[in-house]
Amino acid sequence: MHRRTTGMLLIMIAALLYGTRYLAAAIYGSSSPVWSTDHFNDMLNYIGNGPIIFSTIALLLGITYLLVAELEGTSMRKQIEQIKSSWNEFDLYETGGTSGKGKNK
């Protein structure tokens, strides 16, 4: 799997985990006759901080994977350009100063 794909999947997992906490608290309190901010915060406390912790970890890993992929892609492009220029220089050397493209030997 590519680093960009892995990074995006980890960010999507982070969003899913973040929303799951609130959704679980809403489902848990759906049978309650009273709705208030304090009551919802109590339900969030009942769910715990596990989804938030895992969401934060997944988000940080996803961002890290995306940054590494971008930095790696930049250095790879430079290497490809260097290979192309070296190849062209070698081609000029072998053909005696002309590119030699389109000629049959």
PDB file of N, CA and C in Angstrom:
ATOM      1  N   MET A   1       0.853  -1.166   0.000  1.00  0.00           N
ATOM      2  CA  MET A   1       0.000   0.000   0.000  1.00  0.00           C
ATOM      3  C   MET A   1       0.906   1.238   0.000  1.00  0.00           C
ATOM      4  N   HIS A   2       0.528   2.266  -0.720  1.00  0.00           N
ATOM      5  CA  HIS A   2       1.312   3.485  -0.807  1.00  0.00           C
ATOM      6  C   HIS A   2       1.134   4.320   0.450  1.00  0.00           C
ATOM      7  N   ARG A   3       2.130   5.139   0.716  1.00  0.00           N
ATOM      8  CA  ARG A   3       2.100   5.953   1.941  1.00  0.00           C
ATOM      9  C   ARG A   3       0.954   6.962   1.927  1.00  0.00           C
ATOM     10  N   ARG A   4       0.671   7.532   0.772  1.00  0.00           N
ATOM     11  CA  ARG A   4      -0.440   8.490   0.710  1.00  0.00           C
ATOM     12  C   ARG A   4      -1.769   7.809   1.007  1.00  0.00           C
ATOM     13  N   THR A   5      -1.956   6.622   0.465  1.00  0.00           N
ATOM     14  CA  THR A   5      -3.190   5.873   0.717  1.00  0.00           C
ATOM     15  C   THR A   5      -3.304   5.511   2.186  1.00  0.00           C
ATOM     16  N   THR A   6      -2.212   5.060   2.770  1.00  0.00           N
ATOM     17  CA  THR A   6      -2.211   4.712   4.183  1.00  0.00           C
ATOM     18  C   THR A   6      -2.498   5.937   5.039  1.00  0.00           C
ATOM     19  N   GLY A   7      -1.909   7.060   4.689  1.00  0.00           N
ATOM     20  CA  GLY A   7      -2.148   8.294   5.439  1.00  0.00           C
ATOM     21  C   GLY A   7      -3.607   8.724   5.377  1.00  0.00           C
ATOM     22  N   MET A   8      -4.190   8.651   4.198  1.00  0.00           N
ATOM     23  CA  MET A   8      -5.600   9.039   4.070  1.00  0.00           C
ATOM     24  C   MET A   8      -6.520   8.072   4.821  1.00  0.00           C
ATOM     25  N   LEU A   9      -6.206   6.780   4.783  1.00  0.00           N
ATOM     26  CA  LEU A   9      -7.012   5.808   5.527  1.00  0.00           C
ATOM     27  C   LEU A   9      -6.923   6.059   7.031  1.00  0.00           C
ATOM     28  N   LEU A  10      -5.739   6.384   7.514  1.00  0.00           N
ATOM     29  CA  LEU A  10      -5.598   6.667   8.941  1.00  0.00           C
ATOM     30  C   LEU A  10      -6.364   7.932   9.343  1.00  0.00           C
ATOM     31  N   ILE A  11      -6.378   8.927   8.488  1.00  0.00           N
ATOM     32  CA  ILE A  11      -7.143  10.138   8.782  1.00  0.00           C
ATOM     33  C   ILE A  11      -8.640   9.840   8.767  1.00  0.00           C
ATOM     34  N   MET A  12      -9.077   8.994   7.843  1.00  0.00           N
ATOM     35  CA  MET A  12     -10.494   8.605   7.816  1.00  0.00           C
ATOM     36  C   MET A  12     -10.863   7.805   9.064  1.00  0.00           C
ATOM     37  N   ILE A  13      -9.983   6.934   9.521  1.00  0.00           N
ATOM     38  CA  ILE A  13     -10.231   6.180  10.750  1.00  0.00           C
ATOM     39  C   ILE A  13     -10.311   7.125  11.940  1.00  0.00           C
ATOM     40  N   ALA A  14      -9.450   8.144  11.957  1.00  0.00           N
ATOM     41  CA  ALA A  14      -9.480   9.131  13.042  1.00  0.00           C
ATOM     42  C   ALA A  14     -10.825   9.862  13.077  1.00  0.00           C
ATOM     43  N   ALA A  15     -11.328  10.249  11.916  1.00  0.00           N
ATOM     44  CA  ALA A  15     -12.624  10.927  11.864  1.00  0.00           C
ATOM     45  C   ALA A  15     -13.748   9.996  12.309  1.00  0.00           C
ATOM     46  N   LEU A  16     -13.674   8.741  11.895  1.00  0.00           N
ATOM     47  CA  LEU A  16     -14.688   7.764  12.287  1.00  0.00           C
ATOM     48  C   LEU A  16     -14.689   7.549  13.796  1.00  0.00           C
ATOM     49  N   LEU A  17     -13.520   7.407  14.385  1.00  0.00           N
ATOM     50  CA  LEU A  17     -13.434   7.210  15.834  1.00  0.00           C
ATOM     51  C   LEU A  17     -13.903   8.438  16.605  1.00  0.00           C
ATOM     52  N   TYR A  18     -13.586   9.613  16.087  1.00  0.00           N
ATOM     53  CA  TYR A  18     -14.008  10.843  16.751  1.00  0.00           C
ATOM     54  C   TYR A  18     -15.535  10.952  16.763  1.00  0.00           C
ATOM     55  N   GLY A  19     -16.147  10.651  15.631  1.00  0.00           N
ATOM     56  CA  GLY A  19     -17.605  10.725  15.548  1.00  0.00           C
ATOM     57  C   GLY A  19     -18.298   9.598  16.290  1.00  0.00           C
ATOM     58  N   THR A  20     -17.644   8.447  16.378  1.00  0.00           N
ATOM     59  CA  THR A  20     -18.239   7.295  17.057  1.00  0.00           C
ATOM     60  C   THR A  20     -18.493   7.591  18.530  1.00  0.00           C
ATOM     61  N   ARG A  21     -17.619   8.330  19.149  1.00  0.00           N
ATOM     62  CA  ARG A  21     -17.795   8.661  20.568  1.00  0.00           C
ATOM     63  C   ARG A  21     -19.102   9.418  20.783  1.00  0.00           C
ATOM     64  N   TYR A  22     -19.338  10.424  19.967  1.00  0.00           N
ATOM     65  CA  TYR A  22     -20.563  11.229  20.105  1.00  0.00           C
ATOM     66  C   TYR A  22     -21.801  10.436  19.716  1.00  0.00           C
ATOM     67  N   LEU A  23     -21.664   9.633  18.676  1.00  0.00           N
ATOM     68  CA  LEU A  23     -22.795   8.814  18.247  1.00  0.00           C
ATOM     69  C   LEU A  23     -23.157   7.786  19.311  1.00  0.00           C
ATOM     70  N   ALA A  24     -22.160   7.177  19.919  1.00  0.00           N
ATOM     71  CA  ALA A  24     -22.425   6.193  20.972  1.00  0.00           C
ATOM     72  C   ALA A  24     -23.085   6.853  22.176  1.00  0.00           C
ATOM     73  N   ALA A  25     -22.650   8.053  22.528  1.00  0.00           N
ATOM     74  CA  ALA A  25     -23.269   8.766  23.653  1.00  0.00           C
ATOM     75  C   ALA A  25     -24.718   9.129  23.326  1.00  0.00           C
ATOM     76  N   ALA A  26     -24.990   9.510  22.089  1.00  0.00           N
ATOM     77  CA  ALA A  26     -26.362   9.850  21.699  1.00  0.00           C
ATOM     78  C   ALA A  26     -27.253   8.610  21.709  1.00  0.00           C
ATOM     79  N   ILE A  27     -26.725   7.493  21.219  1.00  0.00           N
ATOM     80  CA  ILE A  27     -27.506   6.248  21.236  1.00  0.00           C
ATOM     81  C   ILE A  27     -27.749   5.796  22.669  1.00  0.00           C
ATOM     82  N   TYR A  28     -26.731   5.904  23.487  1.00  0.00           N
ATOM     83  CA  TYR A  28     -26.856   5.485  24.880  1.00  0.00           C
ATOM     84  C   TYR A  28     -27.923   6.309  25.606  1.00  0.00           C
ATOM     85  N   GLY A  29     -27.997   7.582  25.298  1.00  0.00           N
ATOM     86  CA  GLY A  29     -28.956   8.440  25.985  1.00  0.00           C
ATOM     87  C   GLY A  29     -30.275   8.609  25.261  1.00  0.00           C
ATOM     88  N   SER A  30     -30.492   7.859  24.200  1.00  0.00           N
ATOM     89  CA  SER A  30     -31.716   8.043  23.422  1.00  0.00           C
ATOM     90  C   SER A  30     -32.974   7.651  24.206  1.00  0.00           C
ATOM     91  N   SER A  31     -32.835   6.775  25.170  1.00  0.00           N
ATOM     92  CA  SER A  31     -34.018   6.373  25.946  1.00  0.00           C
ATOM     93  C   SER A  31     -34.264   7.283  27.145  1.00  0.00           C
ATOM     94  N   SER A  32     -33.405   8.246  27.336  1.00  0.00           N
ATOM     95  CA  SER A  32     -33.537   9.151  28.474  1.00  0.00           C
ATOM     96  C   SER A  32     -34.648  10.170  28.208  1.00  0.00           C
ATOM     97  N   PRO A  33     -35.501  10.419  29.192  1.00  0.00           N
ATOM     98  CA  PRO A  33     -36.583  11.391  28.981  1.00  0.00           C
ATOM     99  C   PRO A  33     -36.103  12.844  29.049  1.00  0.00           C
ATOM    100  N   VAL A  34     -34.939  13.072  29.628  1.00  0.00           N
ATOM    101  CA  VAL A  34     -34.432  14.437  29.814  1.00  0.00           C
ATOM    102  C   VAL A  34     -33.168  14.614  28.978  1.00  0.00           C
ATOM    103  N   TRP A  35     -33.143  15.706  28.214  1.00  0.00           N
ATOM    104  CA  TRP A  35     -31.950  16.028  27.440  1.00  0.00           C
ATOM    105  C   TRP A  35     -31.404  17.364  27.907  1.00  0.00           C
ATOM    106  N   SER A  36     -30.136  17.371  28.282  1.00  0.00           N
ATOM    107  CA  SER A  36     -29.459  18.607  28.647  1.00  0.00           C
ATOM    108  C   SER A  36     -27.968  18.445  28.349  1.00  0.00           C
ATOM    109  N   THR A  37     -27.274  19.540  28.393  1.00  0.00           N
ATOM    110  CA  THR A  37     -25.835  19.500  28.136  1.00  0.00           C
ATOM    111  C   THR A  37     -25.121  18.681  29.194  1.00  0.00           C
ATOM    112  N   ASP A  38     -25.521  18.867  30.431  1.00  0.00           N
ATOM    113  CA  ASP A  38     -24.889  18.108  31.507  1.00  0.00           C
ATOM    114  C   ASP A  38     -25.132  16.607  31.348  1.00  0.00           C
ATOM    115  N   HIS A  39     -26.349  16.259  30.980  1.00  0.00           N
ATOM    116  CA  HIS A  39     -26.687  14.848  30.797  1.00  0.00           C
ATOM    117  C   HIS A  39     -25.879  14.244  29.644  1.00  0.00           C
ATOM    118  N   PHE A  40     -25.721  14.988  28.547  1.00  0.00           N
ATOM    119  CA  PHE A  40     -24.941  14.491  27.412  1.00  0.00           C
ATOM    120  C   PHE A  40     -23.468  14.366  27.789  1.00  0.00           C
ATOM    121  N   ASN A  41     -22.952  15.332  28.560  1.00  0.00           N
ATOM    122  CA  ASN A  41     -21.560  15.236  29.019  1.00  0.00           C
ATOM    123  C   ASN A  41     -21.358  14.031  29.935  1.00  0.00           C
ATOM    124  N   ASP A  42     -22.356  13.715  30.743  1.00  0.00           N
ATOM    125  CA  ASP A  42     -22.275  12.512  31.575  1.00  0.00           C
ATOM    126  C   ASP A  42     -22.209  11.261  30.699  1.00  0.00           C
ATOM    127  N   MET A  43     -23.000  11.249  29.630  1.00  0.00           N
ATOM    128  CA  MET A  43     -22.959  10.093  28.721  1.00  0.00           C
ATOM    129  C   MET A  43     -21.615   9.997  28.002  1.00  0.00           C
ATOM    130  N   LEU A  44     -21.037  11.148  27.643  1.00  0.00           N
ATOM    131  CA  LEU A  44     -19.706  11.141  27.029  1.00  0.00           C
ATOM    132  C   LEU A  44     -18.664  10.607  28.003  1.00  0.00           C
ATOM    133  N   ASN A  45     -18.793  10.981  29.268  1.00  0.00           N
ATOM    134  CA  ASN A  45     -17.876  10.460  30.281  1.00  0.00           C
ATOM    135  C   ASN A  45     -18.050   8.963  30.463  1.00  0.00           C
ATOM    136  N   TYR A  46     -19.281   8.488  30.326  1.00  0.00           N
ATOM    137  CA  TYR A  46     -19.549   7.067  30.434  1.00  0.00           C
ATOM    138  C   TYR A  46     -18.878   6.299  29.292  1.00  0.00           C
ATOM    139  N   ILE A  47     -18.864   6.883  28.101  1.00  0.00           N
ATOM    140  CA  ILE A  47     -18.213   6.255  26.942  1.00  0.00           C
ATOM    141  C   ILE A  47     -16.703   6.205  27.174  1.00  0.00           C
ATOM    142  N   GLY A  48     -16.143   7.215  27.762  1.00  0.00           N
ATOM    143  CA  GLY A  48     -14.712   7.235  28.073  1.00  0.00           C
ATOM    144  C   GLY A  48     -13.897   7.980  27.036  1.00  0.00           C
ATOM    145  N   ASN A  49     -12.588   7.991  27.250  1.00  0.00           N
ATOM    146  CA  ASN A  49     -11.670   8.725  26.377  1.00  0.00           C
ATOM    147  C   ASN A  49     -10.959   7.821  25.370  1.00  0.00           C
ATOM    148  N   GLY A  50     -11.268   6.550  25.354  1.00  0.00           N
ATOM    149  CA  GLY A  50     -10.616   5.624  24.434  1.00  0.00           C
ATOM    150  C   GLY A  50     -10.713   6.032  22.976  1.00  0.00           C
ATOM    151  N   PRO A  51     -11.927   6.319  22.478  1.00  0.00           N
ATOM    152  CA  PRO A  51     -12.018   6.728  21.065  1.00  0.00           C
ATOM    153  C   PRO A  51     -11.257   8.011  20.751  1.00  0.00           C
ATOM    154  N   ILE A  52     -11.219   8.955  21.689  1.00  0.00           N
ATOM    155  CA  ILE A  52     -10.486  10.204  21.462  1.00  0.00           C
ATOM    156  C   ILE A  52      -8.984   9.927  21.390  1.00  0.00           C
ATOM    157  N   ILE A  53      -8.490   9.080  22.264  1.00  0.00           N
ATOM    158  CA  ILE A  53      -7.060   8.763  22.271  1.00  0.00           C
ATOM    159  C   ILE A  53      -6.672   8.057  20.975  1.00  0.00           C
ATOM    160  N   PHE A  54      -7.444   7.042  20.589  1.00  0.00           N
ATOM    161  CA  PHE A  54      -7.135   6.321  19.347  1.00  0.00           C
ATOM    162  C   PHE A  54      -7.315   7.221  18.126  1.00  0.00           C
ATOM    163  N   SER A  55      -8.275   8.124  18.182  1.00  0.00           N
ATOM    164  CA  SER A  55      -8.486   9.062  17.081  1.00  0.00           C
ATOM    165  C   SER A  55      -7.288   9.994  16.927  1.00  0.00           C
ATOM    166  N   THR A  56      -6.780  10.479  18.028  1.00  0.00           N
ATOM    167  CA  THR A  56      -5.624  11.368  17.995  1.00  0.00           C
ATOM    168  C   THR A  56      -4.394  10.638  17.465  1.00  0.00           C
ATOM    169  N   ILE A  57      -4.190   9.410  17.908  1.00  0.00           N
ATOM    170  CA  ILE A  57      -3.053   8.619  17.435  1.00  0.00           C
ATOM    171  C   ILE A  57      -3.172   8.373  15.931  1.00  0.00           C
ATOM    172  N   ALA A  58      -4.348   7.992  15.478  1.00  0.00           N
ATOM    173  CA  ALA A  58      -4.548   7.737  14.047  1.00  0.00           C
ATOM    174  C   ALA A  58      -4.353   9.009  13.227  1.00  0.00           C
ATOM    175  N   LEU A  59      -4.812  10.134  13.749  1.00  0.00           N
ATOM    176  CA  LEU A  59      -4.652  11.402  13.037  1.00  0.00           C
ATOM    177  C   LEU A  59      -3.177  11.772  12.909  1.00  0.00           C
ATOM    178  N   LEU A  60      -2.442  11.651  13.988  1.00  0.00           N
ATOM    179  CA  LEU A  60      -1.016  11.987  13.950  1.00  0.00           C
ATOM    180  C   LEU A  60      -0.250  11.046  13.017  1.00  0.00           C
ATOM    181  N   LEU A  61      -0.570   9.770  13.061  1.00  0.00           N
ATOM    182  CA  LEU A  61       0.078   8.826  12.148  1.00  0.00           C
ATOM    183  C   LEU A  61      -0.275   9.125  10.694  1.00  0.00           C
ATOM    184  N   GLY A  62      -1.538   9.462  10.436  1.00  0.00           N
ATOM    185  CA  GLY A  62      -1.958   9.787   9.079  1.00  0.00           C
ATOM    186  C   GLY A  62      -1.252  11.011   8.532  1.00  0.00           C
ATOM    187  N   ILE A  63      -1.145  12.047   9.347  1.00  0.00           N
ATOM    188  CA  ILE A  63      -0.442  13.258   8.917  1.00  0.00           C
ATOM    189  C   ILE A  63       1.029  12.962   8.686  1.00  0.00           C
ATOM    190  N   THR A  64       1.623  12.154   9.561  1.00  0.00           N
ATOM    191  CA  THR A  64       3.028  11.781   9.404  1.00  0.00           C
ATOM    192  C   THR A  64       3.243  11.016   8.100  1.00  0.00           C
ATOM    193  N   TYR A  65       2.360  10.058   7.818  1.00  0.00           N
ATOM    194  CA  TYR A  65       2.482   9.298   6.569  1.00  0.00           C
ATOM    195  C   TYR A  65       2.363  10.223   5.355  1.00  0.00           C
ATOM    196  N   LEU A  66       1.441  11.183   5.390  1.00  0.00           N
ATOM    197  CA  LEU A  66       1.298  12.095   4.257  1.00  0.00           C
ATOM    198  C   LEU A  66       2.532  12.975   4.086  1.00  0.00           C
ATOM    199  N   LEU A  67       3.087  13.463   5.192  1.00  0.00           N
ATOM    200  CA  LEU A  67       4.284  14.295   5.096  1.00  0.00           C
ATOM    201  C   LEU A  67       5.475  13.507   4.569  1.00  0.00           C
ATOM    202  N   VAL A  68       5.642  12.287   5.045  1.00  0.00           N
ATOM    203  CA  VAL A  68       6.741  11.444   4.567  1.00  0.00           C
ATOM    204  C   VAL A  68       6.567  11.146   3.078  1.00  0.00           C
ATOM    205  N   ALA A  69       5.343  10.886   2.661  1.00  0.00           N
ATOM    206  CA  ALA A  69       5.092  10.601   1.239  1.00  0.00           C
ATOM    207  C   ALA A  69       5.423  11.810   0.374  1.00  0.00           C
ATOM    208  N   GLU A  70       5.075  12.994   0.838  1.00  0.00           N
ATOM    209  CA  GLU A  70       5.370  14.193   0.056  1.00  0.00           C
ATOM    210  C   GLU A  70       6.871  14.457  -0.003  1.00  0.00           C
ATOM    211  N   LEU A  71       7.544  14.305   1.124  1.00  0.00           N
ATOM    212  CA  LEU A  71       8.991  14.538   1.134  1.00  0.00           C
ATOM    213  C   LEU A  71       9.721  13.480   0.318  1.00  0.00           C
ATOM    214  N   GLU A  72       9.256  12.260   0.399  1.00  0.00           N
ATOM    215  CA  GLU A  72       9.856  11.180  -0.377  1.00  0.00           C
ATOM    216  C   GLU A  72       9.624  11.388  -1.868  1.00  0.00           C
ATOM    217  N   GLY A  73       8.446  11.857  -2.235  1.00  0.00           N
ATOM    218  CA  GLY A  73       8.117  12.110  -3.637  1.00  0.00           C
ATOM    219  C   GLY A  73       8.986  13.204  -4.230  1.00  0.00           C
ATOM    220  N   THR A  74       9.305  14.225  -3.429  1.00  0.00           N
ATOM    221  CA  THR A  74      10.141  15.318  -3.915  1.00  0.00           C
ATOM    222  C   THR A  74      11.546  14.819  -4.197  1.00  0.00           C
ATOM    223  N   SER A  75      12.107  14.039  -3.302  1.00  0.00           N
ATOM    224  CA  SER A  75      13.466  13.544  -3.521  1.00  0.00           C
ATOM    225  C   SER A  75      13.505  12.544  -4.676  1.00  0.00           C
ATOM    226  N   MET A  76      12.428  11.781  -4.844  1.00  0.00           N
ATOM    227  CA  MET A  76      12.370  10.834  -5.951  1.00  0.00           C
ATOM    228  C   MET A  76      12.354  11.564  -7.293  1.00  0.00           C
ATOM    229  N   ARG A  77      11.625  12.656  -7.369  1.00  0.00           N
ATOM    230  CA  ARG A  77      11.586  13.437  -8.617  1.00  0.00           C
ATOM    231  C   ARG A  77      12.978  13.972  -8.957  1.00  0.00           C
ATOM    232  N   LYS A  78      13.701  14.424  -7.936  1.00  0.00           N
ATOM    233  CA  LYS A  78      15.054  14.916  -8.184  1.00  0.00           C
ATOM    234  C   LYS A  78      15.950  13.798  -8.683  1.00  0.00           C
ATOM    235  N   GLN A  79      15.805  12.607  -8.113  1.00  0.00           N
ATOM    236  CA  GLN A  79      16.605  11.479  -8.559  1.00  0.00           C
ATOM    237  C   GLN A  79      16.267  11.087  -9.993  1.00  0.00           C
ATOM    238  N   ILE A  80      14.995  11.121 -10.347  1.00  0.00           N
ATOM    239  CA  ILE A  80      14.581  10.787 -11.711  1.00  0.00           C
ATOM    240  C   ILE A  80      15.145  11.799 -12.698  1.00  0.00           C
ATOM    241  N   GLU A  81      15.094  13.079 -12.338  1.00  0.00           N
ATOM    242  CA  GLU A  81      15.661  14.108 -13.218  1.00  0.00           C
ATOM    243  C   GLU A  81      17.163  13.928 -13.365  1.00  0.00           C
ATOM    244  N   GLN A  82      17.844  13.551 -12.284  1.00  0.00           N
ATOM    245  CA  GLN A  82      19.280  13.321 -12.357  1.00  0.00           C
ATOM    246  C   GLN A  82      19.584  12.126 -13.250  1.00  0.00           C
ATOM    247  N   ILE A  83      18.801  11.074 -13.163  1.00  0.00           N
ATOM    248  CA  ILE A  83      18.996   9.897 -14.022  1.00  0.00           C
ATOM    249  C   ILE A  83      18.778  10.264 -15.486  1.00  0.00           C
ATOM    250  N   LYS A  84      17.728  11.062 -15.750  1.00  0.00           N
ATOM    251  CA  LYS A  84      17.464  11.479 -17.134  1.00  0.00           C
ATOM    252  C   LYS A  84      18.617  12.306 -17.689  1.00  0.00           C
ATOM    253  N   SER A  85      19.133  13.237 -16.906  1.00  0.00           N
ATOM    254  CA  SER A  85      20.227  14.075 -17.402  1.00  0.00           C
ATOM    255  C   SER A  85      21.495  13.246 -17.597  1.00  0.00           C
ATOM    256  N   SER A  86      21.753  12.315 -16.680  1.00  0.00           N
ATOM    257  CA  SER A  86      22.921  11.442 -16.836  1.00  0.00           C
ATOM    258  C   SER A  86      22.763  10.564 -18.069  1.00  0.00           C
ATOM    259  N   TRP A  87      21.560  10.086 -18.310  1.00  0.00           N
ATOM    260  CA  TRP A  87      21.298   9.244 -19.472  1.00  0.00           C
ATOM    261  C   TRP A  87      21.532  10.039 -20.756  1.00  0.00           C
ATOM    262  N   ASN A  88      21.058  11.291 -20.786  1.00  0.00           N
ATOM    263  CA  ASN A  88      21.250  12.129 -21.967  1.00  0.00           C
ATOM    264  C   ASN A  88      22.730  12.427 -22.193  1.00  0.00           C
ATOM    265  N   GLU A  89      23.467  12.678 -21.113  1.00  0.00           N
ATOM    266  CA  GLU A  89      24.898  12.924 -21.249  1.00  0.00           C
ATOM    267  C   GLU A  89      25.609  11.685 -21.786  1.00  0.00           C
ATOM    268  N   PHE A  90      25.245  10.514 -21.281  1.00  0.00           N
ATOM    269  CA  PHE A  90      25.842   9.265 -21.766  1.00  0.00           C
ATOM    270  C   PHE A  90      25.496   9.041 -23.231  1.00  0.00           C
ATOM    271  N   ASP A  91      24.258   9.342 -23.610  1.00  0.00           N
ATOM    272  CA  ASP A  91      23.818   9.181 -24.989  1.00  0.00           C
ATOM    273  C   ASP A  91      24.611  10.105 -25.910  1.00  0.00           C
ATOM    274  N   LEU A  92      24.846  11.352 -25.473  1.00  0.00           N
ATOM    275  CA  LEU A  92      25.642  12.286 -26.277  1.00  0.00           C
ATOM    276  C   LEU A  92      27.079  11.796 -26.404  1.00  0.00           C
ATOM    277  N   TYR A  93      27.630  11.246 -25.348  1.00  0.00           N
ATOM    278  CA  TYR A  93      29.005  10.737 -25.374  1.00  0.00           C
ATOM    279  C   TYR A  93      29.143   9.556 -26.330  1.00  0.00           C
ATOM    280  N   GLU A  94      28.197   8.648 -26.300  1.00  0.00           N
ATOM    281  CA  GLU A  94      28.253   7.441 -27.128  1.00  0.00           C
ATOM    282  C   GLU A  94      28.086   7.744 -28.612  1.00  0.00           C
ATOM    283  N   THR A  95      27.284   8.742 -28.949  1.00  0.00           N
ATOM    284  CA  THR A  95      27.009   9.021 -30.361  1.00  0.00           C
ATOM    285  C   THR A  95      27.940  10.082 -30.923  1.00  0.00           C
ATOM    286  N   GLY A  96      28.872  10.565 -30.142  1.00  0.00           N
ATOM    287  CA  GLY A  96      29.835  11.534 -30.663  1.00  0.00           C
ATOM    288  C   GLY A  96      29.291  12.940 -30.740  1.00  0.00           C
ATOM    289  N   GLY A  97      28.442  13.330 -29.844  1.00  0.00           N
ATOM    290  CA  GLY A  97      27.977  14.704 -29.795  1.00  0.00           C
ATOM    291  C   GLY A  97      26.586  14.933 -30.315  1.00  0.00           C
ATOM    292  N   THR A  98      25.975  13.969 -30.942  1.00  0.00           N
ATOM    293  CA  THR A  98      24.596  14.125 -31.384  1.00  0.00           C
ATOM    294  C   THR A  98      23.711  13.245 -30.519  1.00  0.00           C
ATOM    295  N   SER A  99      22.457  13.573 -30.498  1.00  0.00           N
ATOM    296  CA  SER A  99      21.549  12.800 -29.637  1.00  0.00           C
ATOM    297  C   SER A  99      21.364  11.394 -30.155  1.00  0.00           C
ATOM    298  N   GLY A 100      21.430  11.183 -31.445  1.00  0.00           N
ATOM    299  CA  GLY A 100      21.318   9.850 -32.006  1.00  0.00           C
ATOM    300  C   GLY A 100      19.913   9.311 -32.033  1.00  0.00           C
ATOM    301  N   LYS A 101      18.945  10.098 -31.633  1.00  0.00           N
ATOM    302  CA  LYS A 101      17.568   9.630 -31.628  1.00  0.00           C
ATOM    303  C   LYS A 101      17.049   9.597 -33.056  1.00  0.00           C
ATOM    304  N   GLY A 102      16.400   8.537 -33.403  1.00  0.00           N
ATOM    305  CA  GLY A 102      15.823   8.390 -34.726  1.00  0.00           C
ATOM    306  C   GLY A 102      16.797   7.833 -35.748  1.00  0.00           C
ATOM    307  N   LYS A 103      18.067   7.575 -35.356  1.00  0.00           N
ATOM    308  CA  LYS A 103      19.041   7.025 -36.269  1.00  0.00           C
ATOM    309  C   LYS A 103      19.185   5.531 -36.016  1.00  0.00           C
ATOM    310  N   ASN A 104      19.406   4.816 -37.047  1.00  0.00           N
ATOM    311  CA  ASN A 104      19.703   3.378 -36.937  1.00  0.00           C
ATOM    312  C   ASN A 104      21.183   3.181 -37.071  1.00  0.00           C
ATOM    313  N   LYS A 105      21.759   2.355 -36.243  1.00  0.00           N
ATOM    314  CA  LYS A 105      23.201   2.106 -36.291  1.00  0.00           C
ATOM    315  C   LYS A 105      23.515   0.949 -37.193  1.00  0.00           C
TER     316      LYS A 105
END
